[in-house]
Amino acid sequence: MKDALLLAALAVALPGFAGSARAEATPAGLWKTIDDDGKKEKSHVRIVDANGVLSGRIEKLLDAADKPDSVCEKCTDERKDQPVVGLTIIRNVRANADSPGQWDGGDILDPKNGKVYRVRLKTVDDGRKLEVRGYVGAPLFGRTQTWIRVE
């Protein structure tokens, strides 16, 4: 009887643990960026994890309006006039120990306007989507894009 109760308890508990593990999928991988209105595919960004620190660079431009040889004219740091393809736009992001499935502490660059924002990344939909929130000051003052995992 005790064994049956233990097995029943495990059967109920294990799917919950598996679900939380999937929710914490890493942002590392290739992502299709989608503009804020959720309609236009903009680029492919590869996020890599180097010893627990995430960074992301643009691998490909998808919007026909963007020239493949465009540069970051409005950037104000070392990325000024660097080609947009190959440009590191996410830097110094780490897992948030207090919020599993969330990464923050770094910054993200908008190569269209050259502005750098603080960033928070959150995997959703079993790691198939990434909520990317760029903000100034507090996360309340920002905007979120949902990126789609390519690989």
N, C-alpha and C. Protein backbone atom coordinates (compact mmCIF):
# COMPACT_ATOMS: atom_id res chain seq x y z
N MET A 1 0.82 -1.19 0.00
CA MET A 1 0.00 0.00 0.00
C MET A 1 0.88 1.26 0.00
N LYS A 2 1.93 1.26 0.87
CA LYS A 2 2.82 2.41 0.91
C LYS A 2 3.51 2.62 -0.43
N ASP A 3 3.93 1.50 -1.05
CA ASP A 3 4.60 1.59 -2.36
C ASP A 3 3.66 2.19 -3.40
N ALA A 4 2.41 1.80 -3.38
CA ALA A 4 1.44 2.31 -4.34
C ALA A 4 1.23 3.81 -4.14
N LEU A 5 1.17 4.26 -2.88
CA LEU A 5 1.02 5.68 -2.59
C LEU A 5 2.25 6.47 -3.03
N LEU A 6 3.44 5.90 -2.78
CA LEU A 6 4.67 6.55 -3.20
C LEU A 6 4.72 6.69 -4.71
N LEU A 7 4.39 5.64 -5.42
CA LEU A 7 4.39 5.68 -6.88
C LEU A 7 3.37 6.69 -7.40
N ALA A 8 2.21 6.75 -6.78
CA ALA A 8 1.19 7.72 -7.19
C ALA A 8 1.68 9.15 -6.96
N ALA A 9 2.34 9.37 -5.82
CA ALA A 9 2.88 10.71 -5.52
C ALA A 9 3.95 11.10 -6.53
N LEU A 10 4.82 10.17 -6.88
CA LEU A 10 5.86 10.44 -7.87
C LEU A 10 5.26 10.71 -9.24
N ALA A 11 4.25 9.96 -9.61
CA ALA A 11 3.60 10.15 -10.90
C ALA A 11 3.00 11.55 -11.02
N VAL A 12 2.53 12.08 -9.92
CA VAL A 12 1.96 13.43 -9.92
C VAL A 12 3.06 14.48 -9.90
N ALA A 13 4.13 14.25 -9.13
CA ALA A 13 5.18 15.25 -8.95
C ALA A 13 6.13 15.34 -10.14
N LEU A 14 6.51 14.24 -10.74
CA LEU A 14 7.53 14.25 -11.79
C LEU A 14 7.16 15.10 -13.00
N PRO A 15 5.95 15.06 -13.51
CA PRO A 15 5.63 15.94 -14.64
C PRO A 15 5.83 17.41 -14.30
N GLY A 16 5.56 17.80 -13.08
CA GLY A 16 5.79 19.19 -12.67
C GLY A 16 7.25 19.56 -12.71
N PHE A 17 8.11 18.64 -12.26
CA PHE A 17 9.55 18.90 -12.32
C PHE A 17 10.01 18.98 -13.76
N ALA A 18 9.54 18.10 -14.61
CA ALA A 18 9.91 18.11 -16.02
C ALA A 18 9.45 19.41 -16.67
N GLY A 19 8.26 19.86 -16.34
CA GLY A 19 7.75 21.11 -16.91
C GLY A 19 8.60 22.30 -16.50
N SER A 20 9.05 22.34 -15.26
CA SER A 20 9.87 23.47 -14.84
C SER A 20 11.25 23.40 -15.48
N ALA A 21 11.77 22.22 -15.75
CA ALA A 21 13.06 22.11 -16.44
C ALA A 21 12.94 22.62 -17.86
N ARG A 22 11.85 22.31 -18.54
CA ARG A 22 11.66 22.81 -19.90
C ARG A 22 11.52 24.32 -19.89
N ALA A 23 10.86 24.89 -18.88
CA ALA A 23 10.65 26.33 -18.82
C ALA A 23 11.96 27.06 -18.64
N GLU A 24 12.99 26.37 -18.16
CA GLU A 24 14.28 27.00 -17.95
C GLU A 24 15.24 26.76 -19.11
N ALA A 25 14.72 26.42 -20.29
CA ALA A 25 15.58 26.19 -21.44
C ALA A 25 16.48 27.40 -21.66
N THR A 26 17.70 27.14 -22.05
CA THR A 26 18.66 28.22 -22.25
C THR A 26 18.33 29.05 -23.49
N PRO A 27 18.66 30.33 -23.47
CA PRO A 27 18.48 31.16 -24.66
C PRO A 27 19.55 30.90 -25.73
N ALA A 28 20.56 30.10 -25.41
CA ALA A 28 21.61 29.83 -26.41
C ALA A 28 21.00 29.16 -27.63
N GLY A 29 21.36 29.64 -28.80
CA GLY A 29 20.86 29.08 -30.05
C GLY A 29 20.62 30.18 -31.07
N LEU A 30 20.00 29.81 -32.18
CA LEU A 30 19.71 30.75 -33.26
C LEU A 30 18.25 31.17 -33.18
N TRP A 31 18.02 32.48 -33.23
CA TRP A 31 16.67 33.05 -33.07
C TRP A 31 16.31 33.94 -34.24
N LYS A 32 15.03 33.88 -34.63
CA LYS A 32 14.49 34.79 -35.63
C LYS A 32 13.87 35.96 -34.87
N THR A 33 14.38 37.16 -35.13
CA THR A 33 13.84 38.34 -34.45
C THR A 33 12.61 38.82 -35.21
N ILE A 34 11.64 39.28 -34.45
CA ILE A 34 10.39 39.77 -35.00
C ILE A 34 10.20 41.20 -34.47
N ASP A 35 9.80 42.13 -35.34
CA ASP A 35 9.65 43.51 -34.88
C ASP A 35 8.55 43.61 -33.83
N ASP A 36 8.44 44.77 -33.23
CA ASP A 36 7.55 44.97 -32.09
C ASP A 36 6.08 44.68 -32.39
N ASP A 37 5.65 44.90 -33.62
CA ASP A 37 4.24 44.65 -33.90
C ASP A 37 3.98 43.18 -34.22
N GLY A 38 5.04 42.36 -34.19
CA GLY A 38 4.89 40.93 -34.35
C GLY A 38 4.63 40.46 -35.76
N LYS A 39 4.89 41.32 -36.73
CA LYS A 39 4.55 40.97 -38.10
C LYS A 39 5.77 40.76 -39.01
N LYS A 40 6.82 41.50 -38.81
CA LYS A 40 7.93 41.48 -39.75
C LYS A 40 9.15 40.79 -39.17
N GLU A 41 9.65 39.79 -39.91
CA GLU A 41 10.89 39.12 -39.52
C GLU A 41 12.05 40.04 -39.87
N LYS A 42 12.94 40.24 -38.91
CA LYS A 42 14.02 41.22 -39.10
C LYS A 42 15.39 40.58 -39.32
N SER A 43 15.74 39.59 -38.49
CA SER A 43 17.09 39.04 -38.58
C SER A 43 17.17 37.70 -37.88
N HIS A 44 18.33 37.07 -38.04
CA HIS A 44 18.68 35.89 -37.24
C HIS A 44 19.77 36.34 -36.28
N VAL A 45 19.59 36.04 -35.01
CA VAL A 45 20.59 36.36 -33.98
C VAL A 45 21.00 35.06 -33.31
N ARG A 46 22.30 34.82 -33.25
CA ARG A 46 22.83 33.65 -32.55
C ARG A 46 23.27 34.08 -31.16
N ILE A 47 22.68 33.43 -30.14
CA ILE A 47 23.06 33.68 -28.75
C ILE A 47 23.95 32.53 -28.31
N VAL A 48 25.10 32.87 -27.75
CA VAL A 48 26.04 31.86 -27.27
C VAL A 48 26.28 32.05 -25.78
N ASP A 49 26.62 30.94 -25.14
CA ASP A 49 26.90 30.94 -23.70
C ASP A 49 28.38 30.64 -23.53
N ALA A 50 29.13 31.59 -23.00
CA ALA A 50 30.55 31.41 -22.72
C ALA A 50 30.75 31.50 -21.20
N ASN A 51 30.84 30.33 -20.56
CA ASN A 51 31.05 30.25 -19.11
C ASN A 51 29.96 30.98 -18.33
N GLY A 52 28.71 30.81 -18.76
CA GLY A 52 27.59 31.40 -18.03
C GLY A 52 27.25 32.82 -18.43
N VAL A 53 27.97 33.39 -19.39
CA VAL A 53 27.70 34.74 -19.86
C VAL A 53 27.20 34.66 -21.30
N LEU A 54 26.01 35.21 -21.53
CA LEU A 54 25.41 35.16 -22.86
C LEU A 54 25.76 36.40 -23.67
N SER A 55 25.97 36.17 -24.96
CA SER A 55 26.10 37.27 -25.91
C SER A 55 25.40 36.85 -27.19
N GLY A 56 25.00 37.83 -27.98
CA GLY A 56 24.29 37.53 -29.21
C GLY A 56 24.73 38.43 -30.33
N ARG A 57 24.88 37.82 -31.52
CA ARG A 57 25.30 38.61 -32.68
C ARG A 57 24.38 38.32 -33.86
N ILE A 58 24.22 39.32 -34.69
CA ILE A 58 23.38 39.19 -35.88
C ILE A 58 24.11 38.34 -36.91
N GLU A 59 23.45 37.27 -37.36
CA GLU A 59 24.02 36.40 -38.38
C GLU A 59 23.49 36.69 -39.77
N LYS A 60 22.24 37.17 -39.84
CA LYS A 60 21.62 37.36 -41.15
C LYS A 60 20.51 38.39 -41.03
N LEU A 61 20.38 39.25 -42.04
CA LEU A 61 19.27 40.18 -42.11
C LEU A 61 18.18 39.56 -42.99
N LEU A 62 16.94 39.61 -42.53
CA LEU A 62 15.82 38.98 -43.24
C LEU A 62 14.91 39.99 -43.93
N ASP A 63 14.92 41.23 -43.49
CA ASP A 63 14.05 42.26 -44.04
C ASP A 63 14.67 42.79 -45.34
N ALA A 64 13.93 42.71 -46.43
CA ALA A 64 14.43 43.15 -47.73
C ALA A 64 14.79 44.63 -47.72
N ALA A 65 14.21 45.40 -46.81
CA ALA A 65 14.51 46.83 -46.73
C ALA A 65 15.90 47.10 -46.15
N ASP A 66 16.48 46.11 -45.47
CA ASP A 66 17.82 46.28 -44.89
C ASP A 66 18.87 45.83 -45.89
N LYS A 67 19.84 46.70 -46.13
CA LYS A 67 20.93 46.34 -47.04
C LYS A 67 21.86 45.35 -46.35
N PRO A 68 22.28 44.31 -47.06
CA PRO A 68 23.15 43.30 -46.44
C PRO A 68 24.50 43.86 -45.99
N ASP A 69 24.93 44.98 -46.59
CA ASP A 69 26.22 45.57 -46.22
C ASP A 69 26.07 46.79 -45.32
N SER A 70 24.89 46.94 -44.67
CA SER A 70 24.66 48.10 -43.82
C SER A 70 25.59 48.09 -42.61
N VAL A 71 25.85 49.28 -42.11
CA VAL A 71 26.70 49.45 -40.92
C VAL A 71 25.92 50.18 -39.84
N CYS A 72 26.42 50.10 -38.63
CA CYS A 72 25.76 50.76 -37.50
C CYS A 72 26.25 52.21 -37.43
N GLU A 73 25.65 53.05 -38.27
CA GLU A 73 26.04 54.46 -38.35
C GLU A 73 25.75 55.23 -37.08
N LYS A 74 24.67 54.89 -36.39
CA LYS A 74 24.25 55.66 -35.22
C LYS A 74 24.81 55.13 -33.90
N CYS A 75 25.59 54.05 -33.95
CA CYS A 75 26.21 53.55 -32.72
C CYS A 75 27.19 54.59 -32.19
N THR A 76 27.33 54.63 -30.87
CA THR A 76 28.22 55.62 -30.27
C THR A 76 29.40 54.98 -29.55
N ASP A 77 29.48 53.66 -29.55
CA ASP A 77 30.59 52.98 -28.88
C ASP A 77 31.49 52.34 -29.94
N GLU A 78 32.24 51.31 -29.55
CA GLU A 78 33.19 50.66 -30.46
C GLU A 78 32.51 49.99 -31.66
N ARG A 79 31.19 49.91 -31.64
CA ARG A 79 30.46 49.29 -32.75
C ARG A 79 30.10 50.28 -33.85
N LYS A 80 30.44 51.55 -33.66
CA LYS A 80 30.14 52.58 -34.67
C LYS A 80 30.78 52.19 -35.99
N ASP A 81 29.97 52.28 -37.05
CA ASP A 81 30.38 52.00 -38.43
C ASP A 81 30.81 50.56 -38.67
N GLN A 82 30.48 49.66 -37.74
CA GLN A 82 30.76 48.24 -37.94
C GLN A 82 29.60 47.62 -38.73
N PRO A 83 29.89 46.59 -39.55
CA PRO A 83 28.81 45.93 -40.29
C PRO A 83 27.75 45.37 -39.34
N VAL A 84 26.48 45.53 -39.72
CA VAL A 84 25.39 45.04 -38.89
C VAL A 84 25.42 43.51 -38.84
N VAL A 85 25.68 42.87 -39.99
CA VAL A 85 25.82 41.41 -39.99
C VAL A 85 27.14 41.09 -39.30
N GLY A 86 27.07 40.32 -38.24
CA GLY A 86 28.24 40.00 -37.42
C GLY A 86 28.35 40.86 -36.18
N LEU A 87 27.49 41.87 -36.04
CA LEU A 87 27.53 42.79 -34.92
C LEU A 87 27.00 42.14 -33.65
N THR A 88 27.72 42.29 -32.55
CA THR A 88 27.26 41.81 -31.25
C THR A 88 26.26 42.82 -30.71
N ILE A 89 25.01 42.36 -30.52
CA ILE A 89 23.97 43.26 -30.03
C ILE A 89 23.54 42.94 -28.60
N ILE A 90 23.86 41.73 -28.12
CA ILE A 90 23.54 41.35 -26.73
C ILE A 90 24.86 41.05 -26.04
N ARG A 91 25.07 41.66 -24.87
CA ARG A 91 26.32 41.45 -24.14
C ARG A 91 26.08 41.28 -22.65
N ASN A 92 26.94 40.44 -22.03
CA ASN A 92 27.04 40.34 -20.57
C ASN A 92 25.77 39.94 -19.84
N VAL A 93 24.98 39.06 -20.43
CA VAL A 93 23.73 38.61 -19.81
C VAL A 93 24.01 37.32 -19.04
N ARG A 94 23.47 37.23 -17.83
CA ARG A 94 23.68 36.07 -16.97
C ARG A 94 22.35 35.57 -16.44
N ALA A 95 22.33 34.29 -16.05
CA ALA A 95 21.13 33.72 -15.44
C ALA A 95 20.79 34.47 -14.17
N ASN A 96 19.51 34.69 -13.96
CA ASN A 96 19.03 35.35 -12.75
C ASN A 96 18.73 34.26 -11.72
N ALA A 97 19.54 34.19 -10.67
CA ALA A 97 19.40 33.15 -9.65
C ALA A 97 18.05 33.21 -8.93
N ASP A 98 17.45 34.40 -8.87
CA ASP A 98 16.18 34.57 -8.17
C ASP A 98 14.96 34.28 -9.05
N SER A 99 15.17 34.22 -10.37
CA SER A 99 14.06 33.99 -11.31
C SER A 99 14.47 32.96 -12.34
N PRO A 100 14.25 31.67 -12.05
CA PRO A 100 14.62 30.63 -13.01
C PRO A 100 13.96 30.86 -14.37
N GLY A 101 14.71 30.61 -15.42
CA GLY A 101 14.20 30.82 -16.77
C GLY A 101 14.36 32.25 -17.25
N GLN A 102 15.05 33.07 -16.47
CA GLN A 102 15.23 34.48 -16.82
C GLN A 102 16.72 34.82 -16.77
N TRP A 103 17.18 35.63 -17.71
CA TRP A 103 18.56 36.06 -17.79
C TRP A 103 18.55 37.58 -17.91
N ASP A 104 19.48 38.24 -17.23
CA ASP A 104 19.52 39.70 -17.27
C ASP A 104 20.90 40.21 -16.88
N GLY A 105 21.00 41.50 -16.63
CA GLY A 105 22.24 42.11 -16.17
C GLY A 105 23.11 42.66 -17.29
N GLY A 106 22.75 42.42 -18.52
CA GLY A 106 23.55 42.90 -19.64
C GLY A 106 22.83 43.98 -20.41
N ASP A 107 23.22 44.12 -21.68
CA ASP A 107 22.59 45.15 -22.50
C ASP A 107 22.32 44.62 -23.91
N ILE A 108 21.47 45.37 -24.61
CA ILE A 108 21.13 45.06 -25.99
C ILE A 108 21.18 46.35 -26.79
N LEU A 109 21.70 46.24 -28.00
CA LEU A 109 21.84 47.37 -28.91
C LEU A 109 20.76 47.31 -29.97
N ASP A 110 20.14 48.44 -30.25
CA ASP A 110 19.25 48.56 -31.40
C ASP A 110 20.08 49.20 -32.51
N PRO A 111 20.51 48.42 -33.51
CA PRO A 111 21.40 48.98 -34.53
C PRO A 111 20.73 50.02 -35.43
N LYS A 112 19.40 50.10 -35.40
CA LYS A 112 18.70 51.12 -36.20
C LYS A 112 18.93 52.52 -35.66
N ASN A 113 18.92 52.64 -34.30
CA ASN A 113 19.07 53.97 -33.72
C ASN A 113 20.35 54.13 -32.90
N GLY A 114 21.12 53.05 -32.75
CA GLY A 114 22.38 53.11 -32.02
C GLY A 114 22.23 53.14 -30.51
N LYS A 115 21.02 53.02 -30.01
CA LYS A 115 20.80 53.10 -28.56
C LYS A 115 21.05 51.74 -27.91
N VAL A 116 21.60 51.81 -26.69
CA VAL A 116 21.87 50.62 -25.90
C VAL A 116 20.92 50.62 -24.71
N TYR A 117 20.27 49.49 -24.50
CA TYR A 117 19.29 49.34 -23.43
C TYR A 117 19.72 48.20 -22.52
N ARG A 118 19.25 48.24 -21.27
CA ARG A 118 19.40 47.07 -20.41
C ARG A 118 18.49 46.00 -20.98
N VAL A 119 18.79 44.73 -20.69
CA VAL A 119 18.02 43.67 -21.32
C VAL A 119 17.67 42.57 -20.32
N ARG A 120 16.50 41.99 -20.54
CA ARG A 120 16.07 40.81 -19.80
C ARG A 120 15.57 39.80 -20.83
N LEU A 121 16.06 38.55 -20.72
CA LEU A 121 15.65 37.47 -21.61
C LEU A 121 14.87 36.45 -20.80
N LYS A 122 13.80 35.95 -21.39
CA LYS A 122 13.00 34.93 -20.71
C LYS A 122 12.53 33.92 -21.75
N THR A 123 12.89 32.65 -21.53
CA THR A 123 12.41 31.60 -22.43
C THR A 123 10.97 31.26 -22.07
N VAL A 124 10.17 31.04 -23.11
CA VAL A 124 8.76 30.66 -22.93
C VAL A 124 8.43 29.57 -23.95
N ASP A 125 7.27 28.98 -23.78
CA ASP A 125 6.77 27.96 -24.70
C ASP A 125 7.78 26.82 -24.85
N ASP A 126 8.22 26.30 -23.69
CA ASP A 126 9.19 25.19 -23.64
C ASP A 126 10.49 25.52 -24.37
N GLY A 127 10.89 26.79 -24.34
CA GLY A 127 12.16 27.20 -24.95
C GLY A 127 12.07 27.47 -26.44
N ARG A 128 10.87 27.42 -27.01
CA ARG A 128 10.71 27.68 -28.44
C ARG A 128 10.61 29.16 -28.75
N LYS A 129 10.34 29.97 -27.72
CA LYS A 129 10.24 31.42 -27.89
C LYS A 129 11.08 32.11 -26.83
N LEU A 130 11.51 33.30 -27.15
CA LEU A 130 12.32 34.09 -26.23
C LEU A 130 11.72 35.48 -26.14
N GLU A 131 11.34 35.87 -24.92
CA GLU A 131 10.88 37.24 -24.70
C GLU A 131 12.11 38.09 -24.41
N VAL A 132 12.32 39.09 -25.24
CA VAL A 132 13.47 39.97 -25.13
C VAL A 132 12.94 41.35 -24.75
N ARG A 133 13.28 41.78 -23.53
CA ARG A 133 12.79 43.08 -23.06
C ARG A 133 13.96 44.04 -22.94
N GLY A 134 13.93 45.09 -23.74
CA GLY A 134 14.91 46.17 -23.63
C GLY A 134 14.29 47.31 -22.85
N TYR A 135 15.07 47.90 -21.96
CA TYR A 135 14.50 48.94 -21.12
C TYR A 135 15.56 49.93 -20.64
N VAL A 136 15.08 51.07 -20.16
CA VAL A 136 15.92 52.09 -19.55
C VAL A 136 15.49 52.19 -18.10
N GLY A 137 16.44 52.08 -17.18
CA GLY A 137 16.11 52.16 -15.75
C GLY A 137 15.52 50.86 -15.25
N ALA A 138 14.20 50.78 -15.19
CA ALA A 138 13.50 49.59 -14.69
C ALA A 138 12.79 48.89 -15.85
N PRO A 139 12.62 47.56 -15.74
CA PRO A 139 11.96 46.82 -16.81
C PRO A 139 10.56 47.36 -17.15
N LEU A 140 9.94 48.05 -16.21
CA LEU A 140 8.63 48.64 -16.46
C LEU A 140 8.69 49.63 -17.63
N PHE A 141 9.85 50.26 -17.81
CA PHE A 141 10.01 51.28 -18.85
C PHE A 141 10.76 50.70 -20.04
N GLY A 142 10.07 49.91 -20.82
CA GLY A 142 10.71 49.28 -21.97
C GLY A 142 9.71 48.65 -22.89
N ARG A 143 10.23 47.81 -23.78
CA ARG A 143 9.38 47.11 -24.72
C ARG A 143 9.88 45.68 -24.88
N THR A 144 8.97 44.79 -25.24
CA THR A 144 9.30 43.38 -25.36
C THR A 144 9.05 42.91 -26.78
N GLN A 145 10.00 42.16 -27.30
CA GLN A 145 9.83 41.45 -28.57
C GLN A 145 9.83 39.96 -28.25
N THR A 146 9.11 39.19 -29.05
CA THR A 146 9.15 37.74 -28.92
C THR A 146 9.87 37.18 -30.12
N TRP A 147 10.99 36.51 -29.85
CA TRP A 147 11.78 35.90 -30.90
C TRP A 147 11.44 34.42 -30.97
N ILE A 148 11.62 33.83 -32.15
CA ILE A 148 11.27 32.44 -32.40
C ILE A 148 12.57 31.63 -32.61
N ARG A 149 12.69 30.51 -31.91
CA ARG A 149 13.89 29.68 -32.06
C ARG A 149 13.94 29.07 -33.45
N VAL A 150 15.10 29.19 -34.10
CA VAL A 150 15.32 28.59 -35.40
C VAL A 150 16.00 27.22 -35.21
N GLU A 151 16.98 27.19 -34.29
CA GLU A 151 17.67 25.93 -33.96
C GLU A 151 18.12 25.96 -32.52
